[in-house]
Amino acid sequence: MSKRSRNDVARDIAERSFFNKNWSNSKITEATQMAYNQALQRGATNGRHTVTVFGEKITVQLNNGTFQTAWGQHKYKLSDFGF
């Protein structure tokens, strides 16, 4: 945050969605793997695919069947990160 203004960071956070902040890193990893596997089982190979894992929607981005990234549906503010 030191290289960007507080307003820039706040705007960036507002435009993104995240995994549940109460999930551990291992739960995020597990949910991501499960979401990826579900997308592949449905025949997905490219683009964004949203599935439900642990009762929450997870979106995975695929490129030629290769995992690119994943995110949850939670929206947060700077105050949620302790700022």
C-alpha atoms as a PDB file:
ATOM      1  CA  MET A   1       0.000   0.000   0.000  1.00  0.00           C
ATOM      2  CA  SER A   2       2.990   2.322   0.445  1.00  0.00           C
ATOM      3  CA  LYS A   3       3.372   2.889  -3.312  1.00  0.00           C
ATOM      4  CA  ARG A   4      -0.308   3.515  -4.002  1.00  0.00           C
ATOM      5  CA  SER A   5      -2.721   5.980  -2.520  1.00  0.00           C
ATOM      6  CA  ARG A   6      -5.273   4.760  -0.019  1.00  0.00           C
ATOM      7  CA  ASN A   7      -8.061   5.719  -2.438  1.00  0.00           C
ATOM      8  CA  ASP A   8      -6.467   3.697  -5.255  1.00  0.00           C
ATOM      9  CA  VAL A   9      -6.199   0.631  -3.038  1.00  0.00           C
ATOM     10  CA  ALA A  10      -9.766   1.072  -1.760  1.00  0.00           C
ATOM     11  CA  ARG A  11     -11.062   1.354  -5.332  1.00  0.00           C
ATOM     12  CA  ASP A  12      -9.085  -1.726  -6.405  1.00  0.00           C
ATOM     13  CA  ILE A  13     -10.455  -3.787  -3.513  1.00  0.00           C
ATOM     14  CA  ALA A  14     -14.006  -2.629  -4.256  1.00  0.00           C
ATOM     15  CA  GLU A  15     -13.694  -3.899  -7.842  1.00  0.00           C
ATOM     16  CA  ARG A  16     -12.562  -7.386  -6.835  1.00  0.00           C
ATOM     17  CA  SER A  17     -14.091 -10.319  -5.057  1.00  0.00           C
ATOM     18  CA  PHE A  18     -12.293 -12.611  -2.662  1.00  0.00           C
ATOM     19  CA  PHE A  19     -12.492 -15.926  -0.869  1.00  0.00           C
ATOM     20  CA  ASN A  20     -14.168 -15.997   2.518  1.00  0.00           C
ATOM     21  CA  LYS A  21     -11.796 -14.156   4.863  1.00  0.00           C
ATOM     22  CA  ASN A  22     -12.519 -16.728   7.571  1.00  0.00           C
ATOM     23  CA  TRP A  23     -11.124 -19.577   5.467  1.00  0.00           C
ATOM     24  CA  SER A  24      -7.608 -20.834   6.128  1.00  0.00           C
ATOM     25  CA  ASN A  25      -5.064 -21.027   3.314  1.00  0.00           C
ATOM     26  CA  SER A  26      -5.493 -24.798   3.248  1.00  0.00           C
ATOM     27  CA  LYS A  27      -9.281 -24.492   2.905  1.00  0.00           C
ATOM     28  CA  ILE A  28      -8.824 -22.009   0.038  1.00  0.00           C
ATOM     29  CA  THR A  29      -6.423 -24.419  -1.651  1.00  0.00           C
ATOM     30  CA  GLU A  30      -8.830 -27.323  -1.185  1.00  0.00           C
ATOM     31  CA  ALA A  31     -11.814 -25.305  -2.448  1.00  0.00           C
ATOM     32  CA  THR A  32      -9.823 -24.131  -5.465  1.00  0.00           C
ATOM     33  CA  GLN A  33      -8.805 -27.685  -6.365  1.00  0.00           C
ATOM     34  CA  MET A  34     -12.374 -28.907  -5.965  1.00  0.00           C
ATOM     35  CA  ALA A  35     -13.727 -26.058  -8.119  1.00  0.00           C
ATOM     36  CA  TYR A  36     -11.133 -26.767 -10.814  1.00  0.00           C
ATOM     37  CA  ASN A  37     -11.981 -30.475 -10.802  1.00  0.00           C
ATOM     38  CA  GLN A  38     -15.715 -29.745 -11.017  1.00  0.00           C
ATOM     39  CA  ALA A  39     -15.173 -27.415 -13.971  1.00  0.00           C
ATOM     40  CA  LEU A  40     -13.131 -30.067 -15.785  1.00  0.00           C
ATOM     41  CA  GLN A  41     -15.747 -32.738 -15.038  1.00  0.00           C
ATOM     42  CA  ARG A  42     -18.336 -30.478 -16.681  1.00  0.00           C
ATOM     43  CA  GLY A  43     -16.180 -30.326 -19.801  1.00  0.00           C
ATOM     44  CA  ALA A  44     -14.859 -26.803 -19.276  1.00  0.00           C
ATOM     45  CA  THR A  45     -11.513 -25.988 -20.852  1.00  0.00           C
ATOM     46  CA  ASN A  46     -11.521 -22.205 -21.315  1.00  0.00           C
ATOM     47  CA  GLY A  47     -12.920 -19.149 -19.614  1.00  0.00           C
ATOM     48  CA  ARG A  48     -14.525 -18.527 -16.257  1.00  0.00           C
ATOM     49  CA  HIS A  49     -16.555 -21.227 -14.557  1.00  0.00           C
ATOM     50  CA  THR A  50     -18.409 -20.807 -11.279  1.00  0.00           C
ATOM     51  CA  VAL A  51     -19.249 -23.755  -9.049  1.00  0.00           C
ATOM     52  CA  THR A  52     -20.331 -24.164  -5.441  1.00  0.00           C
ATOM     53  CA  VAL A  53     -17.819 -25.575  -2.964  1.00  0.00           C
ATOM     54  CA  PHE A  54     -18.361 -25.688   0.807  1.00  0.00           C
ATOM     55  CA  GLY A  55     -21.602 -23.774   0.240  1.00  0.00           C
ATOM     56  CA  GLU A  56     -19.881 -20.849  -1.482  1.00  0.00           C
ATOM     57  CA  LYS A  57     -19.507 -19.871  -5.120  1.00  0.00           C
ATOM     58  CA  ILE A  58     -15.965 -20.167  -6.446  1.00  0.00           C
ATOM     59  CA  THR A  59     -14.958 -19.002  -9.915  1.00  0.00           C
ATOM     60  CA  VAL A  60     -12.022 -20.587 -11.711  1.00  0.00           C
ATOM     61  CA  GLN A  61     -10.369 -19.258 -14.853  1.00  0.00           C
ATOM     62  CA  LEU A  62      -9.114 -21.887 -17.310  1.00  0.00           C
ATOM     63  CA  ASN A  63      -6.990 -21.640 -20.434  1.00  0.00           C
ATOM     64  CA  ASN A  64      -6.873 -24.787 -22.593  1.00  0.00           C
ATOM     65  CA  GLY A  65      -7.781 -26.854 -19.537  1.00  0.00           C
ATOM     66  CA  THR A  66      -5.001 -25.331 -17.460  1.00  0.00           C
ATOM     67  CA  PHE A  67      -5.858 -23.612 -14.205  1.00  0.00           C
ATOM     68  CA  GLN A  68      -5.104 -19.871 -14.248  1.00  0.00           C
ATOM     69  CA  THR A  69      -6.669 -18.380 -11.108  1.00  0.00           C
ATOM     70  CA  ALA A  70      -9.649 -18.599  -8.763  1.00  0.00           C
ATOM     71  CA  TRP A  71     -11.657 -16.288  -6.529  1.00  0.00           C
ATOM     72  CA  GLY A  72     -14.658 -16.248  -4.262  1.00  0.00           C
ATOM     73  CA  GLN A  73     -17.678 -13.949  -4.249  1.00  0.00           C
ATOM     74  CA  HIS A  74     -16.975 -11.920  -1.103  1.00  0.00           C
ATOM     75  CA  LYS A  75     -16.592  -8.147  -1.308  1.00  0.00           C
ATOM     76  CA  TYR A  76     -14.489  -6.324   1.266  1.00  0.00           C
ATOM     77  CA  LYS A  77     -13.406  -2.814   2.238  1.00  0.00           C
ATOM     78  CA  LEU A  78     -10.042  -1.581   3.487  1.00  0.00           C
ATOM     79  CA  SER A  79     -11.342  -1.812   7.043  1.00  0.00           C
ATOM     80  CA  ASP A  80     -11.782  -5.571   6.573  1.00  0.00           C
ATOM     81  CA  PHE A  81      -8.009  -5.764   6.067  1.00  0.00           C
ATOM     82  CA  GLY A  82      -7.243  -3.705   9.160  1.00  0.00           C
ATOM     83  CA  PHE A  83      -6.747  -0.316   7.459  1.00  0.00           C
END
